[in-house]
Amino acid sequence: NKINMILYQLILSHLTFDYGKALTPEMIKAKAKGYPYIPIAKHAMLHAIGVFIILMFNSISIEKAILASSFEFTTHFCIDVAKGRIETKWPKLKDDTNPYHWHLFQVDQALHITSKLLIYLFV
């Protein structure tokens, strides 16, 4: 089903932009602290552009694509800032031997995937 493919494409886009070569050292450093905002915004914008392109290739109206991309930018930015600030306030959460590090990672990814699911349900 073509519409179901959109969700898979959105998740693949998320994985590509969060773990692929699109992350610059500046973005990685900013995400780790939750600031400065400009590199995090650039990162979130890449995600928003990915959403926009996927929706355009799937013949979703430009109005919906713009709204969904704006939603993606806003949610992705806020989630990444919040995670960085949490890890800055509690530095032990950056240690991957700490089980709470993985709990935070799971919450972070669940929020990102939930935003993709909401976009999928919207379109």
PDB file of N, CA and C in Angstrom:
ATOM      1  N   ASN A   1       0.858  -1.178   0.000  1.00  0.00           N
ATOM      2  CA  ASN A   1       0.000   0.000   0.000  1.00  0.00           C
ATOM      3  C   ASN A   1       0.900   1.236   0.000  1.00  0.00           C
ATOM      4  N   LYS A   2       0.637   2.136  -0.950  1.00  0.00           N
ATOM      5  CA  LYS A   2       1.501   3.310  -1.122  1.00  0.00           C
ATOM      6  C   LYS A   2       1.545   4.194   0.118  1.00  0.00           C
ATOM      7  N   ILE A   3       0.414   4.411   0.765  1.00  0.00           N
ATOM      8  CA  ILE A   3       0.385   5.290   1.930  1.00  0.00           C
ATOM      9  C   ILE A   3       1.208   4.707   3.084  1.00  0.00           C
ATOM     10  N   ASN A   4       1.207   3.385   3.243  1.00  0.00           N
ATOM     11  CA  ASN A   4       2.015   2.758   4.291  1.00  0.00           C
ATOM     12  C   ASN A   4       3.503   2.970   4.043  1.00  0.00           C
ATOM     13  N   MET A   5       3.884   3.067   2.771  1.00  0.00           N
ATOM     14  CA  MET A   5       5.285   3.283   2.427  1.00  0.00           C
ATOM     15  C   MET A   5       5.779   4.632   2.959  1.00  0.00           C
ATOM     16  N   ILE A   6       4.892   5.589   3.082  1.00  0.00           N
ATOM     17  CA  ILE A   6       5.296   6.900   3.582  1.00  0.00           C
ATOM     18  C   ILE A   6       5.885   6.772   4.987  1.00  0.00           C
ATOM     19  N   LEU A   7       5.257   5.995   5.853  1.00  0.00           N
ATOM     20  CA  LEU A   7       5.771   5.835   7.213  1.00  0.00           C
ATOM     21  C   LEU A   7       7.161   5.216   7.189  1.00  0.00           C
ATOM     22  N   TYR A   8       7.356   4.194   6.377  1.00  0.00           N
ATOM     23  CA  TYR A   8       8.677   3.572   6.279  1.00  0.00           C
ATOM     24  C   TYR A   8       9.710   4.564   5.752  1.00  0.00           C
ATOM     25  N   GLN A   9       9.318   5.356   4.778  1.00  0.00           N
ATOM     26  CA  GLN A   9      10.228   6.351   4.212  1.00  0.00           C
ATOM     27  C   GLN A   9      10.580   7.428   5.249  1.00  0.00           C
ATOM     28  N   LEU A  10       9.599   7.846   6.030  1.00  0.00           N
ATOM     29  CA  LEU A  10       9.851   8.848   7.070  1.00  0.00           C
ATOM     30  C   LEU A  10      10.832   8.321   8.116  1.00  0.00           C
ATOM     31  N   ILE A  11      10.670   7.069   8.505  1.00  0.00           N
ATOM     32  CA  ILE A  11      11.571   6.469   9.494  1.00  0.00           C
ATOM     33  C   ILE A  11      12.972   6.298   8.910  1.00  0.00           C
ATOM     34  N   LEU A  12      13.050   5.874   7.661  1.00  0.00           N
ATOM     35  CA  LEU A  12      14.353   5.728   7.006  1.00  0.00           C
ATOM     36  C   LEU A  12      15.050   7.083   6.895  1.00  0.00           C
ATOM     37  N   SER A  13      14.288   8.115   6.577  1.00  0.00           N
ATOM     38  CA  SER A  13      14.843   9.472   6.516  1.00  0.00           C
ATOM     39  C   SER A  13      15.383   9.881   7.879  1.00  0.00           C
ATOM     40  N   HIS A  14      14.629   9.578   8.926  1.00  0.00           N
ATOM     41  CA  HIS A  14      15.079   9.902  10.283  1.00  0.00           C
ATOM     42  C   HIS A  14      16.414   9.215  10.586  1.00  0.00           C
ATOM     43  N   LEU A  15      16.496   7.944  10.297  1.00  0.00           N
ATOM     44  CA  LEU A  15      17.731   7.200  10.555  1.00  0.00           C
ATOM     45  C   LEU A  15      18.894   7.766   9.746  1.00  0.00           C
ATOM     46  N   THR A  16      18.621   8.116   8.498  1.00  0.00           N
ATOM     47  CA  THR A  16      19.669   8.656   7.627  1.00  0.00           C
ATOM     48  C   THR A  16      20.214   9.976   8.169  1.00  0.00           C
ATOM     49  N   PHE A  17      19.317  10.885   8.551  1.00  0.00           N
ATOM     50  CA  PHE A  17      19.771  12.201   9.006  1.00  0.00           C
ATOM     51  C   PHE A  17      20.281  12.190  10.446  1.00  0.00           C
ATOM     52  N   ASP A  18      19.846  11.250  11.269  1.00  0.00           N
ATOM     53  CA  ASP A  18      20.341  11.207  12.649  1.00  0.00           C
ATOM     54  C   ASP A  18      21.640  10.418  12.778  1.00  0.00           C
ATOM     55  N   TYR A  19      21.870   9.468  11.877  1.00  0.00           N
ATOM     56  CA  TYR A  19      23.041   8.603  12.030  1.00  0.00           C
ATOM     57  C   TYR A  19      23.924   8.542  10.797  1.00  0.00           C
ATOM     58  N   GLY A  20      23.597   9.289   9.762  1.00  0.00           N
ATOM     59  CA  GLY A  20      24.378   9.266   8.529  1.00  0.00           C
ATOM     60  C   GLY A  20      25.410  10.378   8.476  1.00  0.00           C
ATOM     61  N   LYS A  21      25.907  10.615   7.300  1.00  0.00           N
ATOM     62  CA  LYS A  21      26.979  11.596   7.076  1.00  0.00           C
ATOM     63  C   LYS A  21      26.494  13.040   7.123  1.00  0.00           C
ATOM     64  N   ALA A  22      25.184  13.263   7.236  1.00  0.00           N
ATOM     65  CA  ALA A  22      24.651  14.630   7.244  1.00  0.00           C
ATOM     66  C   ALA A  22      24.959  15.364   8.544  1.00  0.00           C
ATOM     67  N   LEU A  23      25.294  14.634   9.592  1.00  0.00           N
ATOM     68  CA  LEU A  23      25.635  15.269  10.873  1.00  0.00           C
ATOM     69  C   LEU A  23      27.047  15.825  10.809  1.00  0.00           C
ATOM     70  N   THR A  24      27.169  17.112  11.044  1.00  0.00           N
ATOM     71  CA  THR A  24      28.503  17.726  11.082  1.00  0.00           C
ATOM     72  C   THR A  24      29.021  17.690  12.523  1.00  0.00           C
ATOM     73  N   PRO A  25      30.329  17.821  12.710  1.00  0.00           N
ATOM     74  CA  PRO A  25      30.867  17.876  14.076  1.00  0.00           C
ATOM     75  C   PRO A  25      30.227  18.998  14.903  1.00  0.00           C
ATOM     76  N   GLU A  26      29.930  20.114  14.256  1.00  0.00           N
ATOM     77  CA  GLU A  26      29.287  21.242  14.942  1.00  0.00           C
ATOM     78  C   GLU A  26      27.892  20.845  15.449  1.00  0.00           C
ATOM     79  N   MET A  27      27.148  20.122  14.629  1.00  0.00           N
ATOM     80  CA  MET A  27      25.808  19.664  15.031  1.00  0.00           C
ATOM     81  C   MET A  27      25.899  18.670  16.186  1.00  0.00           C
ATOM     82  N   ILE A  28      26.828  17.752  16.088  1.00  0.00           N
ATOM     83  CA  ILE A  28      26.995  16.737  17.136  1.00  0.00           C
ATOM     84  C   ILE A  28      27.322  17.401  18.476  1.00  0.00           C
ATOM     85  N   LYS A  29      28.241  18.362  18.451  1.00  0.00           N
ATOM     86  CA  LYS A  29      28.634  19.065  19.675  1.00  0.00           C
ATOM     87  C   LYS A  29      27.459  19.840  20.264  1.00  0.00           C
ATOM     88  N   ALA A  30      26.699  20.536  19.414  1.00  0.00           N
ATOM     89  CA  ALA A  30      25.554  21.324  19.892  1.00  0.00           C
ATOM     90  C   ALA A  30      24.455  20.415  20.437  1.00  0.00           C
ATOM     91  N   LYS A  31      24.175  19.316  19.744  1.00  0.00           N
ATOM     92  CA  LYS A  31      23.144  18.389  20.216  1.00  0.00           C
ATOM     93  C   LYS A  31      23.516  17.803  21.571  1.00  0.00           C
ATOM     94  N   ALA A  32      24.795  17.576  21.798  1.00  0.00           N
ATOM     95  CA  ALA A  32      25.245  16.993  23.063  1.00  0.00           C
ATOM     96  C   ALA A  32      25.004  17.925  24.252  1.00  0.00           C
ATOM     97  N   LYS A  33      24.953  19.236  23.998  1.00  0.00           N
ATOM     98  CA  LYS A  33      24.757  20.215  25.073  1.00  0.00           C
ATOM     99  C   LYS A  33      23.361  20.830  25.063  1.00  0.00           C
ATOM    100  N   GLY A  34      22.672  20.732  23.933  1.00  0.00           N
ATOM    101  CA  GLY A  34      21.374  21.394  23.808  1.00  0.00           C
ATOM    102  C   GLY A  34      21.508  22.843  23.373  1.00  0.00           C
ATOM    103  N   TYR A  35      22.694  23.253  23.004  1.00  0.00           N
ATOM    104  CA  TYR A  35      22.974  24.598  22.505  1.00  0.00           C
ATOM    105  C   TYR A  35      24.376  24.590  21.907  1.00  0.00           C
ATOM    106  N   PRO A  36      24.775  25.529  21.056  1.00  0.00           N
ATOM    107  CA  PRO A  36      23.982  26.638  20.529  1.00  0.00           C
ATOM    108  C   PRO A  36      22.878  26.139  19.600  1.00  0.00           C
ATOM    109  N   TYR A  37      21.889  26.996  19.439  1.00  0.00           N
ATOM    110  CA  TYR A  37      20.681  26.600  18.711  1.00  0.00           C
ATOM    111  C   TYR A  37      20.861  26.497  17.200  1.00  0.00           C
ATOM    112  N   ILE A  38      21.725  27.309  16.618  1.00  0.00           N
ATOM    113  CA  ILE A  38      21.838  27.335  15.148  1.00  0.00           C
ATOM    114  C   ILE A  38      22.238  25.968  14.580  1.00  0.00           C
ATOM    115  N   PRO A  39      23.270  25.287  15.101  1.00  0.00           N
ATOM    116  CA  PRO A  39      23.599  23.966  14.543  1.00  0.00           C
ATOM    117  C   PRO A  39      22.474  22.945  14.747  1.00  0.00           C
ATOM    118  N   ILE A  40      21.765  23.045  15.862  1.00  0.00           N
ATOM    119  CA  ILE A  40      20.640  22.128  16.094  1.00  0.00           C
ATOM    120  C   ILE A  40      19.518  22.453  15.111  1.00  0.00           C
ATOM    121  N   ALA A  41      19.300  23.725  14.849  1.00  0.00           N
ATOM    122  CA  ALA A  41      18.280  24.131  13.874  1.00  0.00           C
ATOM    123  C   ALA A  41      18.648  23.644  12.471  1.00  0.00           C
ATOM    124  N   LYS A  42      19.925  23.701  12.118  1.00  0.00           N
ATOM    125  CA  LYS A  42      20.365  23.184  10.811  1.00  0.00           C
ATOM    126  C   LYS A  42      20.067  21.692  10.714  1.00  0.00           C
ATOM    127  N   HIS A  43      20.358  20.976  11.785  1.00  0.00           N
ATOM    128  CA  HIS A  43      20.085  19.536  11.833  1.00  0.00           C
ATOM    129  C   HIS A  43      18.583  19.275  11.694  1.00  0.00           C
ATOM    130  N   ALA A  44      17.776  20.005  12.456  1.00  0.00           N
ATOM    131  CA  ALA A  44      16.317  19.839  12.386  1.00  0.00           C
ATOM    132  C   ALA A  44      15.795  20.206  11.002  1.00  0.00           C
ATOM    133  N   MET A  45      16.405  21.203  10.365  1.00  0.00           N
ATOM    134  CA  MET A  45      15.991  21.600   9.020  1.00  0.00           C
ATOM    135  C   MET A  45      16.255  20.487   8.011  1.00  0.00           C
ATOM    136  N   LEU A  46      17.361  19.766   8.161  1.00  0.00           N
ATOM    137  CA  LEU A  46      17.614  18.627   7.273  1.00  0.00           C
ATOM    138  C   LEU A  46      16.493  17.597   7.406  1.00  0.00           C
ATOM    139  N   HIS A  47      16.074  17.336   8.625  1.00  0.00           N
ATOM    140  CA  HIS A  47      14.966  16.411   8.844  1.00  0.00           C
ATOM    141  C   HIS A  47      13.683  16.936   8.194  1.00  0.00           C
ATOM    142  N   ALA A  48      13.423  18.223   8.343  1.00  0.00           N
ATOM    143  CA  ALA A  48      12.223  18.829   7.763  1.00  0.00           C
ATOM    144  C   ALA A  48      12.257  18.747   6.238  1.00  0.00           C
ATOM    145  N   ILE A  49      13.406  18.993   5.651  1.00  0.00           N
ATOM    146  CA  ILE A  49      13.543  18.888   4.193  1.00  0.00           C
ATOM    147  C   ILE A  49      13.307  17.447   3.747  1.00  0.00           C
ATOM    148  N   GLY A  50      13.831  16.495   4.522  1.00  0.00           N
ATOM    149  CA  GLY A  50      13.596  15.083   4.209  1.00  0.00           C
ATOM    150  C   GLY A  50      12.115  14.756   4.199  1.00  0.00           C
ATOM    151  N   VAL A  51      11.390  15.230   5.206  1.00  0.00           N
ATOM    152  CA  VAL A  51       9.944  15.016   5.274  1.00  0.00           C
ATOM    153  C   VAL A  51       9.266  15.646   4.060  1.00  0.00           C
ATOM    154  N   PHE A  52       9.637  16.864   3.737  1.00  0.00           N
ATOM    155  CA  PHE A  52       9.031  17.572   2.610  1.00  0.00           C
ATOM    156  C   PHE A  52       9.238  16.805   1.300  1.00  0.00           C
ATOM    157  N   ILE A  53      10.465  16.367   1.060  1.00  0.00           N
ATOM    158  CA  ILE A  53      10.769  15.637  -0.184  1.00  0.00           C
ATOM    159  C   ILE A  53       9.977  14.332  -0.251  1.00  0.00           C
ATOM    160  N   ILE A  54       9.937  13.602   0.849  1.00  0.00           N
ATOM    161  CA  ILE A  54       9.183  12.338   0.870  1.00  0.00           C
ATOM    162  C   ILE A  54       7.715  12.590   0.552  1.00  0.00           C
ATOM    163  N   LEU A  55       7.136  13.591   1.161  1.00  0.00           N
ATOM    164  CA  LEU A  55       5.716  13.865   0.928  1.00  0.00           C
ATOM    165  C   LEU A  55       5.470  14.338  -0.497  1.00  0.00           C
ATOM    166  N   MET A  56       6.366  15.135  -1.045  1.00  0.00           N
ATOM    167  CA  MET A  56       6.209  15.586  -2.433  1.00  0.00           C
ATOM    168  C   MET A  56       6.300  14.401  -3.395  1.00  0.00           C
ATOM    169  N   PHE A  57       7.260  13.498  -3.173  1.00  0.00           N
ATOM    170  CA  PHE A  57       7.400  12.324  -4.039  1.00  0.00           C
ATOM    171  C   PHE A  57       6.205  11.381  -3.928  1.00  0.00           C
ATOM    172  N   ASN A  58       5.473  11.485  -2.842  1.00  0.00           N
ATOM    173  CA  ASN A  58       4.288  10.639  -2.649  1.00  0.00           C
ATOM    174  C   ASN A  58       2.993  11.378  -2.976  1.00  0.00           C
ATOM    175  N   SER A  59       3.106  12.489  -3.689  1.00  0.00           N
ATOM    176  CA  SER A  59       1.951  13.248  -4.186  1.00  0.00           C
ATOM    177  C   SER A  59       1.033  13.779  -3.090  1.00  0.00           C
ATOM    178  N   ILE A  60       1.627  14.143  -1.964  1.00  0.00           N
ATOM    179  CA  ILE A  60       0.865  14.792  -0.891  1.00  0.00           C
ATOM    180  C   ILE A  60       0.803  16.283  -1.231  1.00  0.00           C
ATOM    181  N   SER A  61      -0.288  16.936  -0.928  1.00  0.00           N
ATOM    182  CA  SER A  61      -0.442  18.356  -1.277  1.00  0.00           C
ATOM    183  C   SER A  61       0.682  19.186  -0.659  1.00  0.00           C
ATOM    184  N   ILE A  62       1.042  20.238  -1.355  1.00  0.00           N
ATOM    185  CA  ILE A  62       2.126  21.098  -0.861  1.00  0.00           C
ATOM    186  C   ILE A  62       1.766  21.741   0.469  1.00  0.00           C
ATOM    187  N   GLU A  63       0.490  22.026   0.677  1.00  0.00           N
ATOM    188  CA  GLU A  63       0.065  22.610   1.950  1.00  0.00           C
ATOM    189  C   GLU A  63       0.326  21.644   3.099  1.00  0.00           C
ATOM    190  N   LYS A  64      -0.054  20.387   2.906  1.00  0.00           N
ATOM    191  CA  LYS A  64       0.189  19.380   3.946  1.00  0.00           C
ATOM    192  C   LYS A  64       1.680  19.138   4.130  1.00  0.00           C
ATOM    193  N   ALA A  65       2.419  19.146   3.041  1.00  0.00           N
ATOM    194  CA  ALA A  65       3.863  18.912   3.123  1.00  0.00           C
ATOM    195  C   ALA A  65       4.547  20.035   3.901  1.00  0.00           C
ATOM    196  N   ILE A  66       4.123  21.269   3.672  1.00  0.00           N
ATOM    197  CA  ILE A  66       4.700  22.402   4.404  1.00  0.00           C
ATOM    198  C   ILE A  66       4.352  22.320   5.882  1.00  0.00           C
ATOM    199  N   LEU A  67       3.092  22.027   6.187  1.00  0.00           N
ATOM    200  CA  LEU A  67       2.684  21.895   7.595  1.00  0.00           C
ATOM    201  C   LEU A  67       3.434  20.754   8.285  1.00  0.00           C
ATOM    202  N   ALA A  68       3.519  19.613   7.613  1.00  0.00           N
ATOM    203  CA  ALA A  68       4.199  18.454   8.196  1.00  0.00           C
ATOM    204  C   ALA A  68       5.688  18.735   8.394  1.00  0.00           C
ATOM    205  N   SER A  69       6.304  19.409   7.441  1.00  0.00           N
ATOM    206  CA  SER A  69       7.726  19.740   7.545  1.00  0.00           C
ATOM    207  C   SER A  69       7.968  20.740   8.674  1.00  0.00           C
ATOM    208  N   SER A  70       7.073  21.687   8.829  1.00  0.00           N
ATOM    209  CA  SER A  70       7.179  22.650   9.930  1.00  0.00           C
ATOM    210  C   SER A  70       7.052  21.944  11.277  1.00  0.00           C
ATOM    211  N   PHE A  71       6.111  21.023  11.348  1.00  0.00           N
ATOM    212  CA  PHE A  71       5.938  20.213  12.562  1.00  0.00           C
ATOM    213  C   PHE A  71       7.205  19.417  12.843  1.00  0.00           C
ATOM    214  N   GLU A  72       7.769  18.801  11.801  1.00  0.00           N
ATOM    215  CA  GLU A  72       8.996  18.017  11.964  1.00  0.00           C
ATOM    216  C   GLU A  72      10.142  18.890  12.465  1.00  0.00           C
ATOM    217  N   PHE A  73      10.311  20.063  11.866  1.00  0.00           N
ATOM    218  CA  PHE A  73      11.379  20.966  12.302  1.00  0.00           C
ATOM    219  C   PHE A  73      11.224  21.302  13.788  1.00  0.00           C
ATOM    220  N   THR A  74      10.026  21.698  14.162  1.00  0.00           N
ATOM    221  CA  THR A  74       9.774  22.138  15.536  1.00  0.00           C
ATOM    222  C   THR A  74       9.972  21.007  16.535  1.00  0.00           C
ATOM    223  N   THR A  75       9.384  19.854  16.262  1.00  0.00           N
ATOM    224  CA  THR A  75       9.505  18.746  17.212  1.00  0.00           C
ATOM    225  C   THR A  75      10.939  18.235  17.284  1.00  0.00           C
ATOM    226  N   HIS A  76      11.588  18.100  16.134  1.00  0.00           N
ATOM    227  CA  HIS A  76      12.951  17.570  16.148  1.00  0.00           C
ATOM    228  C   HIS A  76      13.884  18.511  16.915  1.00  0.00           C
ATOM    229  N   PHE A  77      13.747  19.793  16.658  1.00  0.00           N
ATOM    230  CA  PHE A  77      14.560  20.793  17.356  1.00  0.00           C
ATOM    231  C   PHE A  77      14.335  20.711  18.868  1.00  0.00           C
ATOM    232  N   CYS A  78      13.086  20.708  19.287  1.00  0.00           N
ATOM    233  CA  CYS A  78      12.765  20.693  20.728  1.00  0.00           C
ATOM    234  C   CYS A  78      13.245  19.421  21.410  1.00  0.00           C
ATOM    235  N   ILE A  79      13.067  18.278  20.758  1.00  0.00           N
ATOM    236  CA  ILE A  79      13.509  17.005  21.337  1.00  0.00           C
ATOM    237  C   ILE A  79      15.024  16.998  21.504  1.00  0.00           C
ATOM    238  N   ASP A  80      15.750  17.441  20.474  1.00  0.00           N
ATOM    239  CA  ASP A  80      17.211  17.423  20.550  1.00  0.00           C
ATOM    240  C   ASP A  80      17.753  18.414  21.580  1.00  0.00           C
ATOM    241  N   VAL A  81      17.141  19.582  21.664  1.00  0.00           N
ATOM    242  CA  VAL A  81      17.558  20.560  22.683  1.00  0.00           C
ATOM    243  C   VAL A  81      17.305  19.984  24.077  1.00  0.00           C
ATOM    244  N   ALA A  82      16.123  19.418  24.280  1.00  0.00           N
ATOM    245  CA  ALA A  82      15.782  18.868  25.597  1.00  0.00           C
ATOM    246  C   ALA A  82      16.738  17.748  25.991  1.00  0.00           C
ATOM    247  N   LYS A  83      17.021  16.831  25.065  1.00  0.00           N
ATOM    248  CA  LYS A  83      17.924  15.720  25.382  1.00  0.00           C
ATOM    249  C   LYS A  83      19.319  16.242  25.728  1.00  0.00           C
ATOM    250  N   GLY A  84      19.815  17.192  24.946  1.00  0.00           N
ATOM    251  CA  GLY A  84      21.134  17.759  25.225  1.00  0.00           C
ATOM    252  C   GLY A  84      21.196  18.441  26.577  1.00  0.00           C
ATOM    253  N   ARG A  85      20.143  19.175  26.909  1.00  0.00           N
ATOM    254  CA  ARG A  85      20.117  19.855  28.217  1.00  0.00           C
ATOM    255  C   ARG A  85      20.028  18.866  29.368  1.00  0.00           C
ATOM    256  N   ILE A  86      19.258  17.802  29.192  1.00  0.00           N
ATOM    257  CA  ILE A  86      19.163  16.758  30.219  1.00  0.00           C
ATOM    258  C   ILE A  86      20.524  16.119  30.438  1.00  0.00           C
ATOM    259  N   GLU A  87      21.218  15.796  29.343  1.00  0.00           N
ATOM    260  CA  GLU A  87      22.540  15.174  29.476  1.00  0.00           C
ATOM    261  C   GLU A  87      23.576  16.148  30.045  1.00  0.00           C
ATOM    262  N   THR A  88      23.389  17.431  29.836  1.00  0.00           N
ATOM    263  CA  THR A  88      24.296  18.425  30.413  1.00  0.00           C
ATOM    264  C   THR A  88      24.043  18.565  31.915  1.00  0.00           C
ATOM    265  N   LYS A  89      22.787  18.554  32.295  1.00  0.00           N
ATOM    266  CA  LYS A  89      22.445  18.673  33.720  1.00  0.00           C
ATOM    267  C   LYS A  89      22.858  17.429  34.496  1.00  0.00           C
ATOM    268  N   TRP A  90      22.726  16.255  33.865  1.00  0.00           N
ATOM    269  CA  TRP A  90      23.094  14.985  34.488  1.00  0.00           C
ATOM    270  C   TRP A  90      24.110  14.279  33.584  1.00  0.00           C
ATOM    271  N   PRO A  91      25.397  14.662  33.676  1.00  0.00           N
ATOM    272  CA  PRO A  91      26.426  14.144  32.768  1.00  0.00           C
ATOM    273  C   PRO A  91      26.586  12.620  32.783  1.00  0.00           C
ATOM    274  N   LYS A  92      26.205  11.976  33.860  1.00  0.00           N
ATOM    275  CA  LYS A  92      26.323  10.510  33.915  1.00  0.00           C
ATOM    276  C   LYS A  92      25.433   9.838  32.863  1.00  0.00           C
ATOM    277  N   LEU A  93      24.442  10.567  32.375  1.00  0.00           N
ATOM    278  CA  LEU A  93      23.572  10.017  31.335  1.00  0.00           C
ATOM    279  C   LEU A  93      24.280   9.901  29.990  1.00  0.00           C
ATOM    280  N   LYS A  94      25.449  10.513  29.846  1.00  0.00           N
ATOM    281  CA  LYS A  94      26.228  10.397  28.606  1.00  0.00           C
ATOM    282  C   LYS A  94      27.033   9.098  28.575  1.00  0.00           C
ATOM    283  N   ASP A  95      27.170   8.464  29.731  1.00  0.00           N
ATOM    284  CA  ASP A  95      27.952   7.230  29.864  1.00  0.00           C
ATOM    285  C   ASP A  95      27.103   6.045  29.407  1.00  0.00           C
ATOM    286  N   ASP A  96      27.515   5.397  28.323  1.00  0.00           N
ATOM    287  CA  ASP A  96      26.686   4.309  27.791  1.00  0.00           C
ATOM    288  C   ASP A  96      26.729   3.033  28.631  1.00  0.00           C
ATOM    289  N   THR A  97      27.526   3.031  29.706  1.00  0.00           N
ATOM    290  CA  THR A  97      27.454   1.907  30.648  1.00  0.00           C
ATOM    291  C   THR A  97      26.375   2.143  31.705  1.00  0.00           C
ATOM    292  N   ASN A  98      25.845   3.354  31.742  1.00  0.00           N
ATOM    293  CA  ASN A  98      24.759   3.699  32.663  1.00  0.00           C
ATOM    294  C   ASN A  98      23.435   3.287  32.012  1.00  0.00           C
ATOM    295  N   PRO A  99      22.670   2.396  32.645  1.00  0.00           N
ATOM    296  CA  PRO A  99      21.419   1.958  32.014  1.00  0.00           C
ATOM    297  C   PRO A  99      20.447   3.114  31.731  1.00  0.00           C
ATOM    298  N   TYR A 100      20.522   4.173  32.526  1.00  0.00           N
ATOM    299  CA  TYR A 100      19.626   5.305  32.291  1.00  0.00           C
ATOM    300  C   TYR A 100      19.980   6.068  31.019  1.00  0.00           C
ATOM    301  N   HIS A 101      21.229   5.936  30.576  1.00  0.00           N
ATOM    302  CA  HIS A 101      21.630   6.486  29.275  1.00  0.00           C
ATOM    303  C   HIS A 101      20.734   5.888  28.192  1.00  0.00           C
ATOM    304  N   TRP A 102      20.534   4.584  28.265  1.00  0.00           N
ATOM    305  CA  TRP A 102      19.747   3.889  27.234  1.00  0.00           C
ATOM    306  C   TRP A 102      18.259   4.181  27.381  1.00  0.00           C
ATOM    307  N   HIS A 103      17.807   4.402  28.604  1.00  0.00           N
ATOM    308  CA  HIS A 103      16.404   4.795  28.788  1.00  0.00           C
ATOM    309  C   HIS A 103      16.148   6.146  28.139  1.00  0.00           C
ATOM    310  N   LEU A 104      17.077   7.085  28.355  1.00  0.00           N
ATOM    311  CA  LEU A 104      16.937   8.402  27.737  1.00  0.00           C
ATOM    312  C   LEU A 104      16.988   8.289  26.212  1.00  0.00           C
ATOM    313  N   PHE A 105      17.906   7.476  25.707  1.00  0.00           N
ATOM    314  CA  PHE A 105      18.003   7.249  24.271  1.00  0.00           C
ATOM    315  C   PHE A 105      16.685   6.703  23.718  1.00  0.00           C
ATOM    316  N   GLN A 106      16.105   5.745  24.420  1.00  0.00           N
ATOM    317  CA  GLN A 106      14.844   5.154  23.965  1.00  0.00           C
ATOM    318  C   GLN A 106      13.707   6.173  23.977  1.00  0.00           C
ATOM    319  N   VAL A 107      13.634   6.999  24.998  1.00  0.00           N
ATOM    320  CA  VAL A 107      12.602   8.039  25.052  1.00  0.00           C
ATOM    321  C   VAL A 107      12.807   9.015  23.901  1.00  0.00           C
ATOM    322  N   ASP A 108      14.053   9.423  23.677  1.00  0.00           N
ATOM    323  CA  ASP A 108      14.385  10.341  22.584  1.00  0.00           C
ATOM    324  C   ASP A 108      13.922   9.760  21.242  1.00  0.00           C
ATOM    325  N   GLN A 109      14.285   8.533  20.981  1.00  0.00           N
ATOM    326  CA  GLN A 109      13.915   7.925  19.700  1.00  0.00           C
ATOM    327  C   GLN A 109      12.407   7.683  19.602  1.00  0.00           C
ATOM    328  N   ALA A 110      11.776   7.316  20.705  1.00  0.00           N
ATOM    329  CA  ALA A 110      10.316   7.124  20.694  1.00  0.00           C
ATOM    330  C   ALA A 110       9.609   8.427  20.351  1.00  0.00           C
ATOM    331  N   LEU A 111      10.090   9.533  20.885  1.00  0.00           N
ATOM    332  CA  LEU A 111       9.488  10.836  20.563  1.00  0.00           C
ATOM    333  C   LEU A 111       9.678  11.179  19.093  1.00  0.00           C
ATOM    334  N   HIS A 112      10.875  10.923  18.562  1.00  0.00           N
ATOM    335  CA  HIS A 112      11.119  11.192  17.144  1.00  0.00           C
ATOM    336  C   HIS A 112      10.223  10.322  16.250  1.00  0.00           C
ATOM    337  N   ILE A 113      10.129   9.047  16.575  1.00  0.00           N
ATOM    338  CA  ILE A 113       9.314   8.138  15.753  1.00  0.00           C
ATOM    339  C   ILE A 113       7.830   8.477  15.905  1.00  0.00           C
ATOM    340  N   THR A 114       7.422   8.886  17.086  1.00  0.00           N
ATOM    341  CA  THR A 114       6.029   9.312  17.283  1.00  0.00           C
ATOM    342  C   THR A 114       5.710  10.515  16.407  1.00  0.00           C
ATOM    343  N   SER A 115       6.656  11.431  16.269  1.00  0.00           N
ATOM    344  CA  SER A 115       6.405  12.587  15.397  1.00  0.00           C
ATOM    345  C   SER A 115       6.238  12.133  13.953  1.00  0.00           C
ATOM    346  N   LYS A 116       6.994  11.122  13.535  1.00  0.00           N
ATOM    347  CA  LYS A 116       6.827  10.574  12.170  1.00  0.00           C
ATOM    348  C   LYS A 116       5.464   9.907  12.034  1.00  0.00           C
ATOM    349  N   LEU A 117       5.041   9.193  13.069  1.00  0.00           N
ATOM    350  CA  LEU A 117       3.730   8.552  13.036  1.00  0.00           C
ATOM    351  C   LEU A 117       2.618   9.602  12.944  1.00  0.00           C
ATOM    352  N   LEU A 118       2.759  10.673  13.673  1.00  0.00           N
ATOM    353  CA  LEU A 118       1.747  11.752  13.617  1.00  0.00           C
ATOM    354  C   LEU A 118       1.698  12.381  12.225  1.00  0.00           C
ATOM    355  N   ILE A 119       2.858  12.563  11.609  1.00  0.00           N
ATOM    356  CA  ILE A 119       2.894  13.090  10.233  1.00  0.00           C
ATOM    357  C   ILE A 119       2.193  12.113   9.294  1.00  0.00           C
ATOM    358  N   TYR A 120       2.507  10.843   9.428  1.00  0.00           N
ATOM    359  CA  TYR A 120       1.875   9.803   8.609  1.00  0.00           C
ATOM    360  C   TYR A 120       0.357   9.818   8.766  1.00  0.00           C
ATOM    361  N   LEU A 121      -0.107   9.942   9.996  1.00  0.00           N
ATOM    362  CA  LEU A 121      -1.556   9.984  10.234  1.00  0.00           C
ATOM    363  C   LEU A 121      -2.186  11.269   9.688  1.00  0.00           C
ATOM    364  N   PHE A 122      -1.421  12.355   9.672  1.00  0.00           N
ATOM    365  CA  PHE A 122      -1.900  13.634   9.163  1.00  0.00           C
ATOM    366  C   PHE A 122      -2.089  13.622   7.659  1.00  0.00           C
ATOM    367  N   VAL A 123      -1.152  12.973   6.948  1.00  0.00           N
ATOM    368  CA  VAL A 123      -1.230  13.009   5.489  1.00  0.00           C
ATOM    369  C   VAL A 123      -2.157  11.920   4.965  1.00  0.00           C
TER     370      VAL A 123
END
